[in-house]
Amino acid sequence: MPLRSSLLGILSSTWLQGLCRLALGGIFIYSSLDKIAHPDEFARIIANYAILPDSLVTLPALVLPWLELFAGLLLVAGIWTRSTAALLSLLLLAFILALGVNALRGIDVSCGCFSTSAEIKENAWTLILRDLLILIPGLVIVFFAREKK
């Protein structure tokens, strides 16, 4: 029990929770900026995933970057921390699923994660691994953040 108690203490510690908030929030703030600045290019990247019909590409291209920005800002500010971390974790899971579909198809995609340059193609499995690593701080917040009294 002492090891479990120590681990829970570390995972719920103020410093680790703050670090996870800053890391995850900062990543999403940064990733939103190029997409907000270049919505047409981001729409092309979404279309290249070949998951959504063309008629449904524009809405996520316009909404997702702003959602990422506002959620990232809320997380960094410590507002609605658990809910915001859960939302960003769900977004990451959706991104992982979209990448997984293309990985199974054998298609390397321009993920649109941090740049809207369609020329930059990356191995989908590498992107999935990266997103799984980015998911860790969100899960730490969702499952181990202490309730404020």
Protein backbone atom coordinates (compact mmCIF):
# COMPACT_ATOMS: atom_id res chain seq x y z
CA MET A 1 0.00 0.00 0.00
CA PRO A 2 2.77 2.56 0.67
CA LEU A 3 3.94 2.37 -2.99
CA ARG A 4 0.38 2.83 -4.27
CA SER A 5 -0.16 5.70 -1.87
CA SER A 6 3.11 7.34 -2.95
CA LEU A 7 2.23 6.96 -6.63
CA LEU A 8 -1.24 8.42 -6.08
CA GLY A 9 0.34 11.27 -4.15
CA ILE A 10 2.70 12.05 -7.03
CA LEU A 11 -0.01 11.77 -9.72
CA SER A 12 -2.34 14.07 -7.80
CA SER A 13 0.38 16.48 -6.64
CA THR A 14 -0.11 20.15 -7.38
CA TRP A 15 3.17 20.43 -9.26
CA LEU A 16 2.51 17.47 -11.57
CA GLN A 17 -1.08 18.53 -12.20
CA GLY A 18 0.14 22.04 -13.04
CA LEU A 19 2.82 20.68 -15.35
CA CYS A 20 0.26 18.46 -17.12
CA ARG A 21 -2.13 21.42 -17.50
CA LEU A 22 0.60 23.63 -18.96
CA ALA A 23 1.93 20.92 -21.28
CA LEU A 24 -1.40 19.77 -22.69
CA GLY A 25 -2.92 23.25 -22.81
CA GLY A 26 0.22 24.69 -24.41
CA ILE A 27 0.33 21.97 -27.05
CA PHE A 28 -3.28 22.63 -28.06
CA ILE A 29 -2.85 26.41 -28.04
CA TYR A 30 0.21 26.10 -30.28
CA SER A 31 -1.45 23.55 -32.58
CA SER A 32 -4.48 25.80 -33.11
CA LEU A 33 -2.62 28.88 -34.35
CA ASP A 34 -1.65 27.82 -37.89
CA LYS A 35 -5.05 26.21 -38.42
CA ILE A 36 -6.85 29.40 -37.39
CA ALA A 37 -4.61 31.43 -39.70
CA HIS A 38 -5.09 29.04 -42.67
CA PRO A 39 -8.55 27.42 -42.52
CA ASP A 40 -8.59 26.56 -46.25
CA GLU A 41 -5.36 24.57 -45.98
CA PHE A 42 -6.59 22.85 -42.83
CA ALA A 43 -9.81 21.90 -44.65
CA ARG A 44 -7.70 20.29 -47.40
CA ILE A 45 -5.81 18.28 -44.80
CA ILE A 46 -9.08 17.09 -43.24
CA ALA A 47 -10.36 16.14 -46.71
CA ASN A 48 -7.15 14.16 -47.38
CA TYR A 49 -7.98 11.87 -44.45
CA ALA A 50 -10.85 10.61 -46.67
CA ILE A 51 -13.08 9.92 -43.67
CA LEU A 52 -15.66 12.69 -43.96
CA PRO A 53 -17.71 13.46 -47.05
CA ASP A 54 -16.58 16.68 -48.74
CA SER A 55 -19.74 18.46 -47.61
CA LEU A 56 -18.77 17.92 -43.95
CA VAL A 57 -15.13 19.08 -44.11
CA THR A 58 -15.62 22.85 -43.74
CA LEU A 59 -17.32 22.84 -40.34
CA PRO A 60 -14.59 20.92 -38.48
CA ALA A 61 -11.92 22.96 -40.26
CA LEU A 62 -13.47 26.13 -38.88
CA VAL A 63 -14.53 24.90 -35.42
CA LEU A 64 -11.74 22.52 -34.31
CA PRO A 65 -8.91 25.08 -34.18
CA TRP A 66 -10.98 27.51 -32.09
CA LEU A 67 -12.07 24.68 -29.80
CA GLU A 68 -8.42 23.68 -29.37
CA LEU A 69 -7.42 27.29 -28.63
CA PHE A 70 -10.14 27.98 -26.06
CA ALA A 71 -9.80 24.60 -24.36
CA GLY A 72 -6.02 25.05 -24.21
CA LEU A 73 -6.43 28.50 -22.67
CA LEU A 74 -8.94 27.20 -20.11
CA LEU A 75 -6.61 24.37 -19.17
CA VAL A 76 -3.57 26.63 -18.78
CA ALA A 77 -5.68 29.02 -16.68
CA GLY A 78 -6.91 26.15 -14.50
CA ILE A 79 -10.58 26.73 -15.34
CA TRP A 80 -12.83 23.67 -15.58
CA THR A 81 -9.65 21.61 -15.48
CA ARG A 82 -11.06 18.09 -15.44
CA SER A 83 -13.76 18.79 -18.01
CA THR A 84 -11.34 20.58 -20.32
CA ALA A 85 -8.75 17.80 -20.00
CA ALA A 86 -11.48 15.26 -20.76
CA LEU A 87 -12.52 17.21 -23.87
CA LEU A 88 -8.95 17.48 -25.14
CA SER A 89 -8.36 13.79 -24.39
CA LEU A 90 -11.46 12.89 -26.41
CA LEU A 91 -10.18 15.06 -29.27
CA LEU A 92 -6.86 13.23 -29.12
CA LEU A 93 -8.65 9.88 -29.22
CA ALA A 94 -10.60 11.05 -32.29
CA PHE A 95 -7.33 12.12 -33.94
CA ILE A 96 -5.76 8.76 -33.06
CA LEU A 97 -8.75 6.96 -34.57
CA ALA A 98 -8.54 9.02 -37.79
CA LEU A 99 -4.81 8.36 -38.04
CA GLY A 100 -5.42 4.67 -37.33
CA VAL A 101 -7.89 4.39 -40.21
CA ASN A 102 -5.27 5.80 -42.58
CA ALA A 103 -2.49 3.68 -41.06
CA LEU A 104 -4.56 0.57 -41.74
CA ARG A 105 -5.09 1.80 -45.29
CA GLY A 106 -1.31 2.16 -45.59
CA ILE A 107 -1.56 5.91 -46.19
CA ASP A 108 0.89 8.39 -44.69
CA VAL A 109 -0.89 11.68 -44.14
CA SER A 110 -0.14 15.27 -43.40
CA CYS A 111 -1.73 15.26 -39.98
CA GLY A 112 -2.41 18.98 -39.72
CA CYS A 113 -1.43 18.80 -36.08
CA PHE A 114 0.99 21.71 -35.90
CA SER A 115 1.13 22.91 -39.49
CA THR A 116 -1.30 23.22 -42.36
CA SER A 117 1.40 22.39 -44.90
CA ALA A 118 0.04 19.46 -46.89
CA GLU A 119 3.52 18.67 -48.24
CA ILE A 120 4.70 17.41 -44.86
CA LYS A 121 3.63 13.77 -44.78
CA GLU A 122 4.45 11.62 -41.78
CA ASN A 123 4.12 7.97 -40.93
CA ALA A 124 0.67 7.48 -39.41
CA TRP A 125 1.97 5.00 -36.80
CA THR A 126 4.54 7.54 -35.61
CA LEU A 127 1.80 10.16 -35.31
CA ILE A 128 -0.37 7.74 -33.34
CA LEU A 129 2.49 7.09 -30.93
CA ARG A 130 3.07 10.83 -30.53
CA ASP A 131 -0.63 11.44 -29.85
CA LEU A 132 -0.70 8.64 -27.30
CA LEU A 133 2.16 10.35 -25.47
CA ILE A 134 0.32 13.68 -25.62
CA LEU A 135 -2.75 11.91 -24.20
CA ILE A 136 -0.93 10.99 -20.97
CA PRO A 137 -1.12 14.43 -19.29
CA GLY A 138 -4.84 14.63 -20.07
CA LEU A 139 -5.47 11.26 -18.47
CA VAL A 140 -3.38 12.24 -15.43
CA ILE A 141 -5.58 15.31 -14.98
CA VAL A 142 -8.88 13.51 -15.59
CA PHE A 143 -8.18 10.61 -13.25
CA PHE A 144 -5.94 12.11 -10.56
CA ALA A 145 -6.77 15.81 -10.14
CA ARG A 146 -7.80 16.60 -6.59
CA GLU A 147 -11.19 18.09 -6.00
CA LYS A 148 -11.07 21.64 -4.70
CA LYS A 149 -12.56 22.07 -1.26
